[in-house]
Every structure is written in structure tokens, then in C-alpha cells.
C-alpha atoms as a PDB file:
ATOM      1  CA  MET A   1      -6.682  -6.352 -15.576  1.00  0.00           C
ATOM      2  CA  ALA A   2      -6.402  -4.188 -12.398  1.00  0.00           C
ATOM      3  CA  GLU A   3      -6.383  -0.341 -12.357  1.00  0.00           C
ATOM      4  CA  ILE A   4      -4.443   1.194  -9.406  1.00  0.00           C
ATOM      5  CA  LYS A   5      -4.554   4.965  -8.531  1.00  0.00           C
ATOM      6  CA  TRP A   6      -2.821   6.649  -5.616  1.00  0.00           C
ATOM      7  CA  PHE A   7      -4.467   9.406  -3.626  1.00  0.00           C
ATOM      8  CA  GLY A   8      -1.297  10.305  -1.516  1.00  0.00           C
ATOM      9  CA  HIS A   9      -0.008   9.027   1.678  1.00  0.00           C
ATOM     10  CA  SER A  10      -0.919   5.295   1.724  1.00  0.00           C
ATOM     11  CA  CYS A  11      -4.287   5.618  -0.087  1.00  0.00           C
ATOM     12  CA  PHE A  12      -4.889   3.589  -3.284  1.00  0.00           C
ATOM     13  CA  ARG A  13      -7.945   2.733  -5.132  1.00  0.00           C
ATOM     14  CA  VAL A  14      -7.865  -0.745  -6.808  1.00  0.00           C
ATOM     15  CA  ARG A  15     -10.469  -1.484  -9.441  1.00  0.00           C
ATOM     16  CA  GLY A  16     -11.318  -4.814 -11.026  1.00  0.00           C
ATOM     17  CA  ARG A  17     -14.108  -6.135 -13.020  1.00  0.00           C
ATOM     18  CA  GLU A  18     -15.917  -7.350  -9.900  1.00  0.00           C
ATOM     19  CA  ALA A  19     -15.187  -4.726  -7.275  1.00  0.00           C
ATOM     20  CA  THR A  20     -13.604  -1.405  -6.245  1.00  0.00           C
ATOM     21  CA  ILE A  21     -11.323  -1.403  -3.263  1.00  0.00           C
ATOM     22  CA  VAL A  22     -10.175   1.744  -1.484  1.00  0.00           C
ATOM     23  CA  MET A  23      -7.273   1.160   0.901  1.00  0.00           C
ATOM     24  CA  ASP A  24      -6.289   3.443   3.804  1.00  0.00           C
ATOM     25  CA  PRO A  25      -8.619   6.492   2.718  1.00  0.00           C
ATOM     26  CA  VAL A  26      -6.396   9.558   3.367  1.00  0.00           C
ATOM     27  CA  GLY A  27      -7.344  12.276   5.821  1.00  0.00           C
ATOM     28  CA  ARG A  28      -6.552  15.963   5.199  1.00  0.00           C
ATOM     29  CA  ALA A  29      -3.991  16.296   8.032  1.00  0.00           C
ATOM     30  CA  THR A  30      -1.477  14.720   5.568  1.00  0.00           C
ATOM     31  CA  GLY A  31      -1.912  17.673   3.010  1.00  0.00           C
ATOM     32  CA  TYR A  32      -4.008  15.482   0.736  1.00  0.00           C
ATOM     33  CA  ALA A  33      -7.666  15.956  -0.052  1.00  0.00           C
ATOM     34  CA  LEU A  34      -9.384  12.700  -1.015  1.00  0.00           C
ATOM     35  CA  PRO A  35     -12.480  13.171  -3.451  1.00  0.00           C
ATOM     36  CA  ARG A  36     -15.513  11.390  -2.342  1.00  0.00           C
ATOM     37  CA  GLN A  37     -15.155   7.729  -3.445  1.00  0.00           C
ATOM     38  CA  LYS A  38     -17.583   4.909  -4.124  1.00  0.00           C
ATOM     39  CA  ALA A  39     -16.293   1.461  -3.161  1.00  0.00           C
ATOM     40  CA  ASP A  40     -17.409  -2.055  -2.540  1.00  0.00           C
ATOM     41  CA  ILE A  41     -14.587  -2.697  -0.038  1.00  0.00           C
ATOM     42  CA  VAL A  42     -12.523  -0.434   2.252  1.00  0.00           C
ATOM     43  CA  THR A  43      -9.488  -1.563   4.168  1.00  0.00           C
ATOM     44  CA  VAL A  44      -7.787   0.326   7.087  1.00  0.00           C
ATOM     45  CA  SER A  45      -4.353  -0.778   8.188  1.00  0.00           C
ATOM     46  CA  HIS A  46      -4.554   1.106  11.495  1.00  0.00           C
ATOM     47  CA  PRO A  47      -6.835   3.613  13.108  1.00  0.00           C
ATOM     48  CA  HIS A  48      -4.870   6.803  12.446  1.00  0.00           C
ATOM     49  CA  PRO A  49      -6.663   9.821  10.943  1.00  0.00           C
ATOM     50  CA  GLY A  50      -4.243   9.663   7.836  1.00  0.00           C
ATOM     51  CA  HIS A  51      -5.479   6.152   7.147  1.00  0.00           C
ATOM     52  CA  ASN A  52      -9.163   5.910   8.145  1.00  0.00           C
ATOM     53  CA  ALA A  53     -10.977   8.975   6.536  1.00  0.00           C
ATOM     54  CA  LEU A  54     -14.182   6.790   6.206  1.00  0.00           C
ATOM     55  CA  GLY A  55     -16.284   9.966   5.686  1.00  0.00           C
ATOM     56  CA  GLN A  56     -14.925  10.287   2.197  1.00  0.00           C
ATOM     57  CA  ILE A  57     -16.396   6.975   1.127  1.00  0.00           C
ATOM     58  CA  GLN A  58     -20.064   6.676   0.022  1.00  0.00           C
ATOM     59  CA  ASP A  59     -22.243   4.360   2.200  1.00  0.00           C
ATOM     60  CA  GLY A  60     -22.715   0.788   1.156  1.00  0.00           C
ATOM     61  CA  TYR A  61     -19.208  -0.539   1.421  1.00  0.00           C
ATOM     62  CA  PHE A  62     -17.736  -3.615   3.301  1.00  0.00           C
ATOM     63  CA  LEU A  63     -15.157  -2.418   5.864  1.00  0.00           C
ATOM     64  CA  ILE A  64     -12.010  -4.541   6.683  1.00  0.00           C
ATOM     65  CA  ASP A  65      -9.923  -3.221   9.584  1.00  0.00           C
ATOM     66  CA  GLY A  66      -7.913  -6.043  10.938  1.00  0.00           C
ATOM     67  CA  PRO A  67      -6.448  -9.507  10.408  1.00  0.00           C
ATOM     68  CA  GLY A  68      -8.313 -12.319   8.884  1.00  0.00           C
ATOM     69  CA  GLU A  69      -9.411 -13.994   5.639  1.00  0.00           C
ATOM     70  CA  TYR A  70     -12.218 -12.459   3.774  1.00  0.00           C
ATOM     71  CA  GLU A  71     -14.169 -12.926   0.349  1.00  0.00           C
ATOM     72  CA  VAL A  72     -16.235 -10.042  -0.861  1.00  0.00           C
ATOM     73  CA  SER A  73     -17.553  -9.571  -4.296  1.00  0.00           C
ATOM     74  CA  ASP A  74     -15.279 -12.338  -5.677  1.00  0.00           C
ATOM     75  CA  VAL A  75     -12.179 -10.693  -4.201  1.00  0.00           C
ATOM     76  CA  PHE A  76     -10.174 -12.620  -1.696  1.00  0.00           C
ATOM     77  CA  ILE A  77      -8.425 -10.385   1.027  1.00  0.00           C
ATOM     78  CA  THR A  78      -6.071 -11.586   3.782  1.00  0.00           C
ATOM     79  CA  GLY A  79      -5.154  -9.252   6.561  1.00  0.00           C
ATOM     80  CA  ILE A  80      -1.737 -10.077   8.209  1.00  0.00           C
ATOM     81  CA  ARG A  81      -1.013  -8.718  11.672  1.00  0.00           C
ATOM     82  CA  THR A  82       2.212  -6.644  11.773  1.00  0.00           C
ATOM     83  CA  PHE A  83       3.418  -3.741  13.942  1.00  0.00           C
ATOM     84  CA  HIS A  84       3.679  -0.012  13.545  1.00  0.00           C
ATOM     85  CA  ASP A  85       7.103   0.158  15.151  1.00  0.00           C
ATOM     86  CA  ARG A  86      10.170  -1.927  15.770  1.00  0.00           C
ATOM     87  CA  ALA A  87       9.090  -2.777  19.338  1.00  0.00           C
ATOM     88  CA  LYS A  88       6.396  -5.451  18.492  1.00  0.00           C
ATOM     89  CA  GLY A  89       3.690  -2.845  18.919  1.00  0.00           C
ATOM     90  CA  GLN A  90       4.805  -1.459  22.322  1.00  0.00           C
ATOM     91  CA  GLU A  91       5.292   2.210  21.044  1.00  0.00           C
ATOM     92  CA  ARG A  92       2.526   2.642  18.335  1.00  0.00           C
ATOM     93  CA  GLY A  93       0.423  -0.601  18.317  1.00  0.00           C
ATOM     94  CA  PHE A  94      -0.467  -2.998  15.564  1.00  0.00           C
ATOM     95  CA  ASN A  95      -0.579  -2.527  11.715  1.00  0.00           C
ATOM     96  CA  THR A  96      -2.464  -4.744   9.361  1.00  0.00           C
ATOM     97  CA  ALA A  97      -0.848  -5.622   5.863  1.00  0.00           C
ATOM     98  CA  TYR A  98      -3.390  -6.562   3.256  1.00  0.00           C
ATOM     99  CA  LEU A  99      -3.088  -9.067   0.367  1.00  0.00           C
ATOM    100  CA  LEU A 100      -5.671  -8.755  -2.393  1.00  0.00           C
ATOM    101  CA  GLU A 101      -6.401 -11.476  -4.831  1.00  0.00           C
ATOM    102  CA  LEU A 102      -8.233 -10.248  -7.992  1.00  0.00           C
ATOM    103  CA  GLU A 103      -7.907 -10.416 -11.682  1.00  0.00           C
ATOM    104  CA  GLU A 104      -5.406 -13.164 -11.368  1.00  0.00           C
ATOM    105  CA  LEU A 105      -3.012 -10.776  -9.401  1.00  0.00           C
ATOM    106  CA  ARG A 106      -1.792 -10.738  -5.895  1.00  0.00           C
ATOM    107  CA  ILE A 107      -1.427  -7.203  -4.643  1.00  0.00           C
ATOM    108  CA  CYS A 108      -0.028  -6.326  -1.199  1.00  0.00           C
ATOM    109  CA  HIS A 109      -0.498  -3.118   0.733  1.00  0.00           C
ATOM    110  CA  LEU A 110       1.852  -2.953   3.659  1.00  0.00           C
ATOM    111  CA  GLY A 111       0.092   0.034   5.459  1.00  0.00           C
ATOM    112  CA  ASP A 112       2.348   1.756   8.057  1.00  0.00           C
ATOM    113  CA  LEU A 113       4.700  -1.355   8.375  1.00  0.00           C
ATOM    114  CA  ALA A 114       7.680  -0.303  10.328  1.00  0.00           C
ATOM    115  CA  HIS A 115       9.888  -3.411  10.694  1.00  0.00           C
ATOM    116  CA  PRO A 116      11.298  -6.265   8.688  1.00  0.00           C
ATOM    117  CA  LEU A 117       8.970  -9.312   8.219  1.00  0.00           C
ATOM    118  CA  THR A 118       9.226 -12.379  10.240  1.00  0.00           C
ATOM    119  CA  GLU A 119       9.353 -15.832   8.436  1.00  0.00           C
ATOM    120  CA  GLU A 120       5.734 -16.421   9.175  1.00  0.00           C
ATOM    121  CA  GLN A 121       4.677 -12.954   7.602  1.00  0.00           C
ATOM    122  CA  ILE A 122       7.043 -13.677   4.584  1.00  0.00           C
ATOM    123  CA  GLU A 123       5.278 -17.065   4.215  1.00  0.00           C
ATOM    124  CA  ALA A 124       1.891 -15.304   4.162  1.00  0.00           C
ATOM    125  CA  LEU A 125       2.943 -12.746   1.591  1.00  0.00           C
ATOM    126  CA  ASN A 126       4.479 -15.072  -0.909  1.00  0.00           C
ATOM    127  CA  ASP A 127       4.346 -14.771  -4.663  1.00  0.00           C
ATOM    128  CA  ILE A 128       3.389 -11.051  -4.695  1.00  0.00           C
ATOM    129  CA  ASP A 129       2.748  -9.362  -8.041  1.00  0.00           C
ATOM    130  CA  VAL A 130       2.471  -5.679  -6.969  1.00  0.00           C
ATOM    131  CA  LEU A 131       3.817  -4.409  -3.722  1.00  0.00           C
ATOM    132  CA  LEU A 132       2.623  -1.048  -2.224  1.00  0.00           C
ATOM    133  CA  VAL A 133       5.422  -0.085   0.234  1.00  0.00           C
ATOM    134  CA  PRO A 134       6.142   2.853   2.339  1.00  0.00           C
ATOM    135  CA  VAL A 135       9.500   4.382   1.711  1.00  0.00           C
ATOM    136  CA  GLY A 136       9.605   7.946   3.355  1.00  0.00           C
ATOM    137  CA  GLY A 137      10.150   7.100   7.036  1.00  0.00           C
ATOM    138  CA  GLY A 138       8.201   8.964   9.862  1.00  0.00           C
ATOM    139  CA  ASN A 139       6.215   6.121  11.618  1.00  0.00           C
ATOM    140  CA  ALA A 140       6.784   3.602   8.730  1.00  0.00           C
ATOM    141  CA  LEU A 141       9.608   2.159   6.762  1.00  0.00           C
ATOM    142  CA  ASP A 142      12.304   4.463   5.449  1.00  0.00           C
ATOM    143  CA  THR A 143      14.358   3.757   2.492  1.00  0.00           C
ATOM    144  CA  PRO A 144      16.755   1.147   3.950  1.00  0.00           C
ATOM    145  CA  GLY A 145      13.751  -0.693   5.595  1.00  0.00           C
ATOM    146  CA  ALA A 146      11.758  -0.628   2.456  1.00  0.00           C
ATOM    147  CA  ASN A 147      14.567  -2.163   0.373  1.00  0.00           C
ATOM    148  CA  GLU A 148      14.957  -4.825   3.058  1.00  0.00           C
ATOM    149  CA  VAL A 149      11.352  -5.772   3.028  1.00  0.00           C
ATOM    150  CA  ILE A 150      11.295  -5.717  -0.869  1.00  0.00           C
ATOM    151  CA  GLY A 151      14.195  -8.027  -0.832  1.00  0.00           C
ATOM    152  CA  GLN A 152      12.273 -10.350   1.545  1.00  0.00           C
ATOM    153  CA  ILE A 153       9.009 -10.360  -0.527  1.00  0.00           C
ATOM    154  CA  GLU A 154      10.597 -10.247  -3.972  1.00  0.00           C
ATOM    155  CA  PRO A 155       7.563  -8.665  -5.768  1.00  0.00           C
ATOM    156  CA  LYS A 156       7.418  -8.386  -9.530  1.00  0.00           C
ATOM    157  CA  MET A 157       6.392  -4.817  -9.321  1.00  0.00           C
ATOM    158  CA  VAL A 158       6.931  -2.034  -6.620  1.00  0.00           C
ATOM    159  CA  VAL A 159       4.824   0.978  -6.106  1.00  0.00           C
ATOM    160  CA  PRO A 160       6.209   3.253  -3.312  1.00  0.00           C
ATOM    161  CA  MET A 161       3.962   5.285  -1.135  1.00  0.00           C
ATOM    162  CA  HIS A 162       4.095   7.282   2.184  1.00  0.00           C
ATOM    163  CA  TYR A 163       6.843   9.796   1.046  1.00  0.00           C
ATOM    164  CA  ARG A 164       6.969  13.606   0.658  1.00  0.00           C
ATOM    165  CA  THR A 165       5.557  15.028  -2.533  1.00  0.00           C
ATOM    166  CA  ASP A 166       4.530  18.616  -3.556  1.00  0.00           C
ATOM    167  CA  GLY A 167       1.073  17.900  -2.467  1.00  0.00           C
ATOM    168  CA  GLY A 168       1.613  16.608   1.080  1.00  0.00           C
ATOM    169  CA  ASP A 169       3.551  14.552   3.748  1.00  0.00           C
ATOM    170  CA  ARG A 170       6.055  17.336   4.279  1.00  0.00           C
ATOM    171  CA  GLY A 171       7.704  15.700   7.218  1.00  0.00           C
ATOM    172  CA  LEU A 172       8.698  12.574   5.293  1.00  0.00           C
ATOM    173  CA  GLU A 173      11.637  11.877   2.900  1.00  0.00           C
ATOM    174  CA  ASP A 174      10.966  12.238  -0.810  1.00  0.00           C
ATOM    175  CA  LEU A 175      11.814   9.803  -3.458  1.00  0.00           C
ATOM    176  CA  THR A 176      15.303  10.753  -4.121  1.00  0.00           C
ATOM    177  CA  HIS A 177      16.942   8.616  -1.645  1.00  0.00           C
ATOM    178  CA  PHE A 178      14.872   5.523  -2.436  1.00  0.00           C
ATOM    179  CA  CYS A 179      15.632   5.749  -6.231  1.00  0.00           C
ATOM    180  CA  LYS A 180      19.237   6.530  -5.529  1.00  0.00           C
ATOM    181  CA  GLU A 181      19.611   3.362  -3.368  1.00  0.00           C
ATOM    182  CA  LEU A 182      18.087   1.300  -6.069  1.00  0.00           C
ATOM    183  CA  GLY A 183      20.474   2.850  -8.680  1.00  0.00           C
ATOM    184  CA  ILE A 184      17.770   4.310 -10.844  1.00  0.00           C
ATOM    185  CA  GLU A 185      16.698   7.715 -11.991  1.00  0.00           C
ATOM    186  CA  ASN A 186      13.466   8.992 -10.698  1.00  0.00           C
ATOM    187  CA  PRO A 187      11.009   7.332 -13.053  1.00  0.00           C
ATOM    188  CA  ALA A 188       8.458   9.718 -14.747  1.00  0.00           C
ATOM    189  CA  PRO A 189       5.191   9.382 -12.635  1.00  0.00           C
ATOM    190  CA  ARG A 190       1.976   7.959 -14.135  1.00  0.00           C
ATOM    191  CA  GLU A 191      -1.489   8.931 -13.428  1.00  0.00           C
ATOM    192  CA  LYS A 192      -2.612   5.421 -12.720  1.00  0.00           C
ATOM    193  CA  LEU A 193      -1.217   1.882 -13.189  1.00  0.00           C
ATOM    194  CA  THR A 194      -3.169  -0.522 -15.313  1.00  0.00           C
ATOM    195  CA  VAL A 195      -1.562  -3.969 -14.751  1.00  0.00           C
ATOM    196  CA  ARG A 196      -2.311  -7.438 -16.186  1.00  0.00           C
ATOM    197  CA  LYS A 197      -0.599 -10.748 -15.058  1.00  0.00           C
ATOM    198  CA  SER A 198       0.969 -10.932 -18.694  1.00  0.00           C
ATOM    199  CA  ASP A 199       2.707  -7.430 -17.991  1.00  0.00           C
ATOM    200  CA  LEU A 200       4.833  -8.697 -15.342  1.00  0.00           C
ATOM    201  CA  SER A 201       8.447 -10.003 -15.722  1.00  0.00           C
ATOM    202  CA  GLU A 202      11.083 -11.612 -13.683  1.00  0.00           C
ATOM    203  CA  THR A 203      12.820  -8.237 -13.436  1.00  0.00           C
ATOM    204  CA  VAL A 204      11.381  -6.137 -10.689  1.00  0.00           C
ATOM    205  CA  GLN A 205       9.555  -2.881 -12.105  1.00  0.00           C
ATOM    206  CA  ILE A 206       9.416   0.269 -10.191  1.00  0.00           C
ATOM    207  CA  VAL A 207       6.311   2.403 -10.770  1.00  0.00           C
ATOM    208  CA  ILE A 208       5.820   5.878  -9.557  1.00  0.00           C
ATOM    209  CA  LEU A 209       2.241   7.165  -9.327  1.00  0.00           C
ATOM    210  CA  GLU A 210       1.083  10.859  -9.148  1.00  0.00           C
ATOM    211  CA  PRO A 211      -1.007  11.538  -6.078  1.00  0.00           C
END
């Protein structure tokens, strides 16, 4: 069983039995205030103040900030090189998407991905259980882009991130367009997501979290 909590923007805390992972610790410029966190592992998708507020993490963590394969505290993590724009990084540089393997789950955090995936990237991100995907535009995927990438990956569960809420990211789109494109009502947000492999089904589930 894994517990996933969203702190706004692209910041998540993933807890398993063996380790706690904080992904893209969020900076105050986004409008969100990340409470100080204790983590075994921290991942950073790209070096932007909204994604690498490492000062909010207590000392003693293992930092992963780029592509590669890692094993830390019995958690397997793969970083996949992607881009922060649609021009192969010529405008805003690189982005790293991360695949976590823990508690028999495969959880993918796309960071500030801003383009459709290549065949090689899709192959690296196969059989995803939970997909954390930007949907609000700005410097990352907007709703049409997010839906395209969701179709490429075909995850079992989708958790949107990087969109406007009452708490922050005022310059981004809110969830209305994303839900409308999927033909669903805005689901009631949850405080956190607790997920087991047995909870997943063949039908894609959309889960909205409170920041």
C-alpha cells in the first residue's frame, strides 16, 4: 500500500513501508507553502524554484535530480530524460520524468513535461499504475497535451497536478477544462490517496487531491 499526498503545483509525498519520497518540493513563489518534510528520497524534475525547494526537506535524504536508474531503501527509481518545451529543450531545457517502483506499484511523475512522448519514452514508462500528470498549461502540458500523454501511457489511475486552485498557481488553467474534455464532473477532492495494487481496475480512474 502506498500513500500519496499532494502539496500543490507538482509536489507530492509518496509513502511506502520502506521509504518516504518527496517529489518536486514546491517553492513559495507558486502560492503554496510546503511544511517542512522528512524524506528518505527527494526527486527534482528540473532546477526551477517551484520544483526544488530543498530547504523545506530535513537533512539526511538521498537526492535524485536527473536521468538514471537508482535503488534506495528498497525503492527502484528510473529517471527518464524529457523536455520542458516542444522544441527538444531549446527553449526551456530538460525535464526528468520519474518512475517509482514500490509496494508492487509503478508510479510515474511527469514533472514539467511539455510534449508528447517518443516511442522510446513510452516504452520506458510502460505498465504504469498511477500517473501524476500536469494539466494546467503554462510551461507544462495543458489539457489536450495531458490527454494525449495519458492515451500514450494508458495508466490505471490518473492524478492531475500543476493547475490553478484556490491556494496557488493563479496563472494556470483550473480543472474545469480537463474534466470537461474527459466527459466527467469535477470529482470530489480527497485529502490523500491510499492505493493498493488490488484497488486498480482496467477502467482508468481519475483522482483529485486537495493541495
